Amino acid sequence: MRQAIELLYFAYRAFTAEPDAILAELGFGRAHHRVIYFVGRNPGIMVSELLALLRITKQSLARVLSQLVREGYVLQSPGPRDRRQRLLSLTPKATALERLLTERQSQRIARAFARAGDGTADGFRRVLLGLMDDEDRRRFPDPDAPRRAPR
């Protein structure tokens, strides 16, 4: 188990190293990366939903979000029915940054799967799902669950 902990630590450090360097050049950190990534994956996400997804405080998000808005990476718009809602979306330059960061991390994962051999991706997915809390695990459909036939 100790080796598994160390493997996770060193893998995460390697997984985040290249994005961290790119973000540092822009004056950003991992919190900025998470916001850009999840707003990119969920265009129009409400601030309250992002807070719940990231499990961070309003104060932490406000600091990061205000910088991203100020520097032209994230747009905030009022909700269509409730003007108090703040809906978030990426600007084109944030979309390009998100693509670059995700591409670099995707390449690292693809190389690791290629080195590990056929059939390892499913086992890796299952281990990661097993590490997650139930609430987060529900975000990912079970590939083994029976599928309903279309009506």
N, C-alpha and C. Protein backbone atom coordinates (compact mmCIF):
# COMPACT_ATOMS: atom_id res chain seq x y z
N MET A 1 0.83 -1.20 0.00
CA MET A 1 0.00 0.00 0.00
C MET A 1 0.88 1.27 0.00
N ARG A 2 1.97 1.23 0.73
CA ARG A 2 2.85 2.41 0.73
C ARG A 2 3.39 2.68 -0.67
N GLN A 3 3.72 1.62 -1.39
CA GLN A 3 4.21 1.83 -2.74
C GLN A 3 3.11 2.44 -3.62
N ALA A 4 1.87 2.00 -3.44
CA ALA A 4 0.76 2.57 -4.21
C ALA A 4 0.62 4.05 -3.92
N ILE A 5 0.77 4.43 -2.66
CA ILE A 5 0.70 5.85 -2.29
C ILE A 5 1.81 6.63 -2.98
N GLU A 6 3.01 6.07 -2.95
CA GLU A 6 4.15 6.75 -3.59
C GLU A 6 3.96 6.82 -5.10
N LEU A 7 3.47 5.74 -5.71
CA LEU A 7 3.21 5.75 -7.14
C LEU A 7 2.22 6.85 -7.51
N LEU A 8 1.16 6.98 -6.73
CA LEU A 8 0.17 8.04 -6.98
C LEU A 8 0.82 9.42 -6.86
N TYR A 9 1.63 9.58 -5.82
CA TYR A 9 2.29 10.88 -5.61
C TYR A 9 3.17 11.24 -6.81
N PHE A 10 4.06 10.34 -7.20
CA PHE A 10 4.99 10.64 -8.28
C PHE A 10 4.28 10.74 -9.63
N ALA A 11 3.24 9.93 -9.84
CA ALA A 11 2.48 10.02 -11.08
C ALA A 11 1.77 11.37 -11.18
N TYR A 12 1.15 11.80 -10.08
CA TYR A 12 0.45 13.09 -10.09
C TYR A 12 1.43 14.24 -10.32
N ARG A 13 2.59 14.15 -9.69
CA ARG A 13 3.60 15.20 -9.89
C ARG A 13 4.00 15.29 -11.36
N ALA A 14 4.23 14.14 -11.99
CA ALA A 14 4.60 14.13 -13.41
C ALA A 14 3.43 14.59 -14.29
N PHE A 15 2.23 14.17 -13.93
CA PHE A 15 1.03 14.51 -14.70
C PHE A 15 0.77 16.02 -14.70
N THR A 16 1.11 16.69 -13.62
CA THR A 16 0.84 18.13 -13.50
C THR A 16 2.03 19.01 -13.85
N ALA A 17 3.22 18.44 -13.99
CA ALA A 17 4.44 19.24 -14.18
C ALA A 17 4.39 20.13 -15.42
N GLU A 18 4.07 19.56 -16.56
CA GLU A 18 4.07 20.35 -17.80
C GLU A 18 2.97 21.41 -17.78
N PRO A 19 1.73 21.05 -17.43
CA PRO A 19 0.72 22.10 -17.32
C PRO A 19 1.10 23.19 -16.30
N ASP A 20 1.67 22.78 -15.16
CA ASP A 20 2.10 23.76 -14.16
C ASP A 20 3.07 24.78 -14.75
N ALA A 21 4.02 24.30 -15.56
CA ALA A 21 5.02 25.20 -16.16
C ALA A 21 4.35 26.16 -17.14
N ILE A 22 3.42 25.66 -17.95
CA ILE A 22 2.70 26.51 -18.91
C ILE A 22 1.87 27.55 -18.15
N LEU A 23 1.17 27.11 -17.13
CA LEU A 23 0.33 28.02 -16.34
C LEU A 23 1.16 29.06 -15.60
N ALA A 24 2.31 28.67 -15.09
CA ALA A 24 3.17 29.60 -14.35
C ALA A 24 3.62 30.76 -15.23
N GLU A 25 3.84 30.49 -16.51
CA GLU A 25 4.22 31.56 -17.44
C GLU A 25 3.12 32.61 -17.56
N LEU A 26 1.89 32.21 -17.29
CA LEU A 26 0.75 33.13 -17.37
C LEU A 26 0.38 33.70 -16.01
N GLY A 27 1.10 33.30 -14.97
CA GLY A 27 0.78 33.75 -13.62
C GLY A 27 -0.38 32.98 -13.01
N PHE A 28 -0.61 31.76 -13.50
CA PHE A 28 -1.70 30.92 -13.02
C PHE A 28 -1.14 29.70 -12.31
N GLY A 29 -2.03 29.03 -11.57
CA GLY A 29 -1.66 27.80 -10.88
C GLY A 29 -2.69 26.72 -11.14
N ARG A 30 -2.62 25.66 -10.33
CA ARG A 30 -3.52 24.52 -10.52
C ARG A 30 -4.98 24.87 -10.30
N ALA A 31 -5.26 25.80 -9.41
CA ALA A 31 -6.66 26.19 -9.20
C ALA A 31 -7.22 26.83 -10.47
N HIS A 32 -6.42 27.62 -11.14
CA HIS A 32 -6.85 28.23 -12.41
C HIS A 32 -7.09 27.13 -13.44
N HIS A 33 -6.20 26.14 -13.46
CA HIS A 33 -6.33 25.03 -14.40
C HIS A 33 -7.65 24.30 -14.18
N ARG A 34 -7.98 24.01 -12.93
CA ARG A 34 -9.22 23.29 -12.63
C ARG A 34 -10.44 24.09 -13.09
N VAL A 35 -10.44 25.39 -12.83
CA VAL A 35 -11.57 26.22 -13.26
C VAL A 35 -11.67 26.22 -14.78
N ILE A 36 -10.57 26.45 -15.46
CA ILE A 36 -10.59 26.48 -16.92
C ILE A 36 -11.05 25.13 -17.47
N TYR A 37 -10.53 24.05 -16.92
CA TYR A 37 -10.89 22.71 -17.40
C TYR A 37 -12.39 22.46 -17.23
N PHE A 38 -12.91 22.68 -16.03
CA PHE A 38 -14.31 22.31 -15.77
C PHE A 38 -15.30 23.30 -16.37
N VAL A 39 -14.94 24.55 -16.53
CA VAL A 39 -15.82 25.47 -17.26
C VAL A 39 -15.83 25.08 -18.73
N GLY A 40 -14.67 24.68 -19.25
CA GLY A 40 -14.60 24.22 -20.64
C GLY A 40 -15.43 22.97 -20.88
N ARG A 41 -15.46 22.07 -19.92
CA ARG A 41 -16.23 20.83 -20.03
C ARG A 41 -17.72 21.06 -19.78
N ASN A 42 -18.06 22.18 -19.14
CA ASN A 42 -19.45 22.47 -18.77
C ASN A 42 -19.80 23.92 -19.10
N PRO A 43 -19.81 24.30 -20.38
CA PRO A 43 -20.10 25.69 -20.73
C PRO A 43 -21.45 26.12 -20.16
N GLY A 44 -21.50 27.31 -19.58
CA GLY A 44 -22.73 27.81 -18.99
C GLY A 44 -22.94 27.33 -17.56
N ILE A 45 -21.94 26.71 -16.98
CA ILE A 45 -22.05 26.23 -15.60
C ILE A 45 -22.26 27.41 -14.66
N MET A 46 -23.12 27.24 -13.68
CA MET A 46 -23.35 28.28 -12.68
C MET A 46 -22.20 28.26 -11.68
N VAL A 47 -21.90 29.42 -11.12
CA VAL A 47 -20.84 29.51 -10.12
C VAL A 47 -21.13 28.53 -8.97
N SER A 48 -22.36 28.45 -8.55
CA SER A 48 -22.71 27.54 -7.44
C SER A 48 -22.43 26.08 -7.81
N GLU A 49 -22.67 25.70 -9.06
CA GLU A 49 -22.39 24.34 -9.50
C GLU A 49 -20.88 24.08 -9.54
N LEU A 50 -20.13 25.07 -9.97
CA LEU A 50 -18.68 24.93 -10.01
C LEU A 50 -18.11 24.79 -8.60
N LEU A 51 -18.64 25.56 -7.68
CA LEU A 51 -18.22 25.44 -6.27
C LEU A 51 -18.46 24.02 -5.76
N ALA A 52 -19.61 23.48 -6.06
CA ALA A 52 -19.94 22.12 -5.61
C ALA A 52 -19.05 21.09 -6.29
N LEU A 53 -18.79 21.26 -7.55
CA LEU A 53 -17.97 20.33 -8.30
C LEU A 53 -16.53 20.30 -7.78
N LEU A 54 -15.97 21.48 -7.55
CA LEU A 54 -14.58 21.59 -7.11
C LEU A 54 -14.41 21.41 -5.60
N ARG A 55 -15.53 21.55 -4.88
CA ARG A 55 -15.50 21.46 -3.41
C ARG A 55 -14.47 22.44 -2.81
N ILE A 56 -14.64 23.69 -3.21
CA ILE A 56 -13.80 24.76 -2.67
C ILE A 56 -14.69 25.85 -2.10
N THR A 57 -14.09 26.77 -1.37
CA THR A 57 -14.87 27.85 -0.78
C THR A 57 -15.14 28.94 -1.80
N LYS A 58 -16.17 29.73 -1.51
CA LYS A 58 -16.47 30.88 -2.38
C LYS A 58 -15.28 31.81 -2.46
N GLN A 59 -14.61 31.99 -1.35
CA GLN A 59 -13.46 32.89 -1.30
C GLN A 59 -12.33 32.40 -2.21
N SER A 60 -12.05 31.11 -2.17
CA SER A 60 -11.00 30.55 -3.03
C SER A 60 -11.36 30.72 -4.50
N LEU A 61 -12.60 30.40 -4.84
CA LEU A 61 -13.02 30.52 -6.23
C LEU A 61 -13.04 31.98 -6.66
N ALA A 62 -13.48 32.86 -5.80
CA ALA A 62 -13.58 34.29 -6.16
C ALA A 62 -12.21 34.85 -6.56
N ARG A 63 -11.19 34.49 -5.83
CA ARG A 63 -9.84 34.98 -6.14
C ARG A 63 -9.39 34.51 -7.52
N VAL A 64 -9.55 33.22 -7.78
CA VAL A 64 -9.13 32.64 -9.06
C VAL A 64 -10.01 33.13 -10.20
N LEU A 65 -11.32 33.11 -9.99
CA LEU A 65 -12.26 33.50 -11.04
C LEU A 65 -12.12 34.96 -11.41
N SER A 66 -11.93 35.82 -10.42
CA SER A 66 -11.79 37.24 -10.74
C SER A 66 -10.55 37.50 -11.60
N GLN A 67 -9.47 36.77 -11.34
CA GLN A 67 -8.27 36.92 -12.17
C GLN A 67 -8.53 36.42 -13.59
N LEU A 68 -9.20 35.28 -13.71
CA LEU A 68 -9.48 34.74 -15.04
C LEU A 68 -10.42 35.65 -15.84
N VAL A 69 -11.38 36.25 -15.16
CA VAL A 69 -12.29 37.19 -15.83
C VAL A 69 -11.53 38.45 -16.23
N ARG A 70 -10.77 38.99 -15.29
CA ARG A 70 -10.02 40.23 -15.52
C ARG A 70 -9.03 40.08 -16.69
N GLU A 71 -8.43 38.90 -16.80
CA GLU A 71 -7.42 38.69 -17.85
C GLU A 71 -8.00 38.11 -19.14
N GLY A 72 -9.34 38.04 -19.21
CA GLY A 72 -10.00 37.67 -20.45
C GLY A 72 -10.03 36.19 -20.78
N TYR A 73 -10.06 35.34 -19.76
CA TYR A 73 -10.12 33.90 -19.98
C TYR A 73 -11.52 33.33 -19.75
N VAL A 74 -12.26 33.94 -18.85
CA VAL A 74 -13.60 33.45 -18.51
C VAL A 74 -14.60 34.59 -18.63
N LEU A 75 -15.76 34.27 -19.20
CA LEU A 75 -16.86 35.23 -19.29
C LEU A 75 -17.92 34.85 -18.27
N GLN A 76 -18.51 35.86 -17.64
CA GLN A 76 -19.63 35.66 -16.72
C GLN A 76 -20.85 36.34 -17.33
N SER A 77 -21.96 35.63 -17.34
CA SER A 77 -23.18 36.25 -17.83
C SER A 77 -24.31 35.89 -16.87
N PRO A 78 -25.34 36.76 -16.81
CA PRO A 78 -26.46 36.47 -15.91
C PRO A 78 -27.29 35.31 -16.45
N GLY A 79 -27.97 34.62 -15.55
CA GLY A 79 -28.86 33.52 -15.94
C GLY A 79 -30.03 34.05 -16.73
N PRO A 80 -30.62 33.24 -17.61
CA PRO A 80 -31.74 33.71 -18.44
C PRO A 80 -33.01 34.00 -17.64
N ARG A 81 -33.24 33.26 -16.54
CA ARG A 81 -34.45 33.45 -15.73
C ARG A 81 -34.14 34.21 -14.45
N ASP A 82 -33.00 33.92 -13.87
CA ASP A 82 -32.60 34.56 -12.61
C ASP A 82 -31.31 35.34 -12.87
N ARG A 83 -31.44 36.65 -12.92
CA ARG A 83 -30.29 37.51 -13.26
C ARG A 83 -29.21 37.47 -12.18
N ARG A 84 -29.52 36.92 -11.01
CA ARG A 84 -28.51 36.81 -9.96
C ARG A 84 -27.55 35.66 -10.21
N GLN A 85 -28.00 34.69 -11.01
CA GLN A 85 -27.12 33.58 -11.35
C GLN A 85 -25.97 34.09 -12.22
N ARG A 86 -24.80 33.51 -12.01
CA ARG A 86 -23.66 33.84 -12.87
C ARG A 86 -23.28 32.58 -13.63
N LEU A 87 -23.43 32.64 -14.94
CA LEU A 87 -23.08 31.52 -15.81
C LEU A 87 -21.69 31.77 -16.39
N LEU A 88 -20.88 30.72 -16.40
CA LEU A 88 -19.48 30.85 -16.81
C LEU A 88 -19.23 30.15 -18.14
N SER A 89 -18.39 30.76 -18.95
CA SER A 89 -17.95 30.16 -20.20
C SER A 89 -16.53 30.64 -20.49
N LEU A 90 -15.84 29.89 -21.34
CA LEU A 90 -14.48 30.25 -21.70
C LEU A 90 -14.45 31.18 -22.90
N THR A 91 -13.47 32.04 -22.92
CA THR A 91 -13.20 32.86 -24.09
C THR A 91 -12.38 32.01 -25.07
N PRO A 92 -12.22 32.46 -26.30
CA PRO A 92 -11.40 31.69 -27.25
C PRO A 92 -9.97 31.45 -26.75
N LYS A 93 -9.36 32.44 -26.09
CA LYS A 93 -7.99 32.19 -25.63
C LYS A 93 -7.95 31.18 -24.49
N ALA A 94 -8.97 31.12 -23.68
CA ALA A 94 -9.03 30.10 -22.63
C ALA A 94 -9.29 28.73 -23.24
N THR A 95 -10.11 28.68 -24.26
CA THR A 95 -10.38 27.41 -24.95
C THR A 95 -9.08 26.86 -25.54
N ALA A 96 -8.28 27.74 -26.13
CA ALA A 96 -6.99 27.31 -26.70
C ALA A 96 -6.05 26.82 -25.60
N LEU A 97 -6.02 27.51 -24.47
CA LEU A 97 -5.18 27.09 -23.34
C LEU A 97 -5.66 25.75 -22.79
N GLU A 98 -6.95 25.60 -22.62
CA GLU A 98 -7.50 24.34 -22.11
C GLU A 98 -7.15 23.19 -23.04
N ARG A 99 -7.25 23.41 -24.33
CA ARG A 99 -6.90 22.37 -25.31
C ARG A 99 -5.43 21.98 -25.20
N LEU A 100 -4.56 22.97 -25.09
CA LEU A 100 -3.12 22.71 -24.98
C LEU A 100 -2.81 21.89 -23.73
N LEU A 101 -3.34 22.30 -22.59
CA LEU A 101 -3.08 21.60 -21.34
C LEU A 101 -3.64 20.18 -21.37
N THR A 102 -4.86 20.02 -21.87
CA THR A 102 -5.48 18.71 -21.95
C THR A 102 -4.76 17.82 -22.94
N GLU A 103 -4.30 18.39 -24.04
CA GLU A 103 -3.56 17.61 -25.03
C GLU A 103 -2.27 17.06 -24.42
N ARG A 104 -1.55 17.88 -23.69
CA ARG A 104 -0.30 17.43 -23.06
C ARG A 104 -0.57 16.31 -22.05
N GLN A 105 -1.61 16.47 -21.26
CA GLN A 105 -1.92 15.44 -20.26
C GLN A 105 -2.46 14.18 -20.94
N SER A 106 -3.23 14.33 -21.99
CA SER A 106 -3.75 13.18 -22.73
C SER A 106 -2.61 12.39 -23.36
N GLN A 107 -1.61 13.07 -23.88
CA GLN A 107 -0.45 12.39 -24.47
C GLN A 107 0.29 11.58 -23.41
N ARG A 108 0.43 12.13 -22.22
CA ARG A 108 1.11 11.42 -21.14
C ARG A 108 0.33 10.15 -20.77
N ILE A 109 -0.97 10.27 -20.67
CA ILE A 109 -1.80 9.11 -20.34
C ILE A 109 -1.73 8.07 -21.46
N ALA A 110 -1.81 8.51 -22.71
CA ALA A 110 -1.75 7.58 -23.84
C ALA A 110 -0.42 6.83 -23.85
N ARG A 111 0.68 7.52 -23.58
CA ARG A 111 1.99 6.85 -23.52
C ARG A 111 2.01 5.81 -22.40
N ALA A 112 1.44 6.15 -21.26
CA ALA A 112 1.41 5.22 -20.13
C ALA A 112 0.59 3.99 -20.47
N PHE A 113 -0.56 4.17 -21.11
CA PHE A 113 -1.39 3.02 -21.50
C PHE A 113 -0.65 2.16 -22.52
N ALA A 114 0.03 2.80 -23.47
CA ALA A 114 0.78 2.04 -24.48
C ALA A 114 1.89 1.21 -23.83
N ARG A 115 2.57 1.79 -22.86
CA ARG A 115 3.64 1.04 -22.15
C ARG A 115 3.06 -0.11 -21.32
N ALA A 116 1.89 0.12 -20.74
CA ALA A 116 1.30 -0.88 -19.84
C ALA A 116 0.71 -2.06 -20.60
N GLY A 117 0.30 -1.85 -21.85
CA GLY A 117 -0.22 -2.94 -22.66
C GLY A 117 -1.73 -2.96 -22.74
N ASP A 118 -2.21 -3.83 -23.60
CA ASP A 118 -3.65 -3.95 -23.86
C ASP A 118 -4.42 -4.32 -22.59
N GLY A 119 -5.60 -3.76 -22.48
CA GLY A 119 -6.50 -4.11 -21.38
C GLY A 119 -6.22 -3.39 -20.07
N THR A 120 -5.19 -2.59 -20.02
CA THR A 120 -4.86 -1.94 -18.74
C THR A 120 -5.70 -0.70 -18.47
N ALA A 121 -6.20 -0.07 -19.50
CA ALA A 121 -6.98 1.16 -19.31
C ALA A 121 -8.22 0.90 -18.47
N ASP A 122 -8.88 -0.23 -18.70
CA ASP A 122 -10.09 -0.54 -17.94
C ASP A 122 -9.76 -0.75 -16.47
N GLY A 123 -8.68 -1.47 -16.19
CA GLY A 123 -8.28 -1.68 -14.80
C GLY A 123 -7.90 -0.38 -14.12
N PHE A 124 -7.21 0.47 -14.83
CA PHE A 124 -6.82 1.78 -14.30
C PHE A 124 -8.07 2.59 -13.97
N ARG A 125 -9.03 2.59 -14.88
CA ARG A 125 -10.29 3.31 -14.66
C ARG A 125 -10.99 2.80 -13.41
N ARG A 126 -11.02 1.49 -13.25
CA ARG A 126 -11.69 0.89 -12.09
C ARG A 126 -10.98 1.26 -10.78
N VAL A 127 -9.66 1.29 -10.80
CA VAL A 127 -8.91 1.68 -9.59
C VAL A 127 -9.23 3.14 -9.25
N LEU A 128 -9.19 4.02 -10.24
CA LEU A 128 -9.49 5.43 -9.97
C LEU A 128 -10.90 5.60 -9.45
N LEU A 129 -11.86 4.92 -10.04
CA LEU A 129 -13.24 4.99 -9.56
C LEU A 129 -13.34 4.47 -8.13
N GLY A 130 -12.57 3.45 -7.82
CA GLY A 130 -12.58 2.92 -6.47
C GLY A 130 -12.00 3.87 -5.44
N LEU A 131 -11.10 4.75 -5.87
CA LEU A 131 -10.52 5.73 -4.97
C LEU A 131 -11.45 6.90 -4.69
N MET A 132 -12.40 7.15 -5.58
CA MET A 132 -13.29 8.30 -5.47
C MET A 132 -14.35 8.12 -4.40
N ASP A 133 -14.86 9.24 -3.92
CA ASP A 133 -16.05 9.24 -3.08
C ASP A 133 -17.26 8.89 -3.95
N ASP A 134 -18.30 8.34 -3.32
CA ASP A 134 -19.51 7.94 -4.06
C ASP A 134 -20.08 9.08 -4.89
N GLU A 135 -20.12 10.27 -4.31
CA GLU A 135 -20.70 11.42 -5.01
C GLU A 135 -19.99 11.68 -6.34
N ASP A 136 -18.68 11.63 -6.34
CA ASP A 136 -17.92 11.86 -7.57
C ASP A 136 -18.03 10.67 -8.52
N ARG A 137 -18.06 9.47 -7.99
CA ARG A 137 -18.14 8.27 -8.81
C ARG A 137 -19.41 8.27 -9.64
N ARG A 138 -20.48 8.84 -9.11
CA ARG A 138 -21.77 8.87 -9.84
C ARG A 138 -21.69 9.68 -11.13
N ARG A 139 -20.69 10.50 -11.27
CA ARG A 139 -20.53 11.31 -12.49
C ARG A 139 -20.15 10.46 -13.70
N PHE A 140 -19.68 9.24 -13.43
CA PHE A 140 -19.14 8.40 -14.49
C PHE A 140 -20.01 7.16 -14.66
N PRO A 141 -20.60 7.00 -15.84
CA PRO A 141 -21.47 5.85 -16.05
C PRO A 141 -20.68 4.55 -15.98
N ASP A 142 -21.32 3.51 -15.48
CA ASP A 142 -20.71 2.19 -15.38
C ASP A 142 -20.77 1.55 -16.76
N PRO A 143 -19.60 1.25 -17.35
CA PRO A 143 -19.63 0.66 -18.71
C PRO A 143 -20.21 -0.74 -18.73
N ASP A 144 -20.28 -1.39 -17.56
CA ASP A 144 -20.81 -2.76 -17.49
C ASP A 144 -22.31 -2.79 -17.21
N ALA A 145 -22.90 -1.63 -16.92
CA ALA A 145 -24.34 -1.59 -16.62
C ALA A 145 -25.13 -1.90 -17.89
N PRO A 146 -26.23 -2.65 -17.73
CA PRO A 146 -27.06 -2.93 -18.93
C PRO A 146 -27.62 -1.63 -19.49
N ARG A 147 -27.59 -1.55 -20.78
CA ARG A 147 -28.09 -0.35 -21.46
C ARG A 147 -29.55 -0.56 -21.84
N ARG A 148 -30.32 0.52 -21.70
CA ARG A 148 -31.72 0.45 -22.11
C ARG A 148 -31.81 0.55 -23.62
N ALA A 149 -32.71 -0.22 -24.17
CA ALA A 149 -32.94 -0.14 -25.62
C ALA A 149 -33.68 1.14 -25.93
N PRO A 150 -33.30 1.82 -27.03
CA PRO A 150 -34.03 3.04 -27.40
C PRO A 150 -35.48 2.73 -27.71
N ARG A 151 -36.36 3.66 -27.40
CA ARG A 151 -37.79 3.47 -27.67
C ARG A 151 -38.18 4.04 -28.97
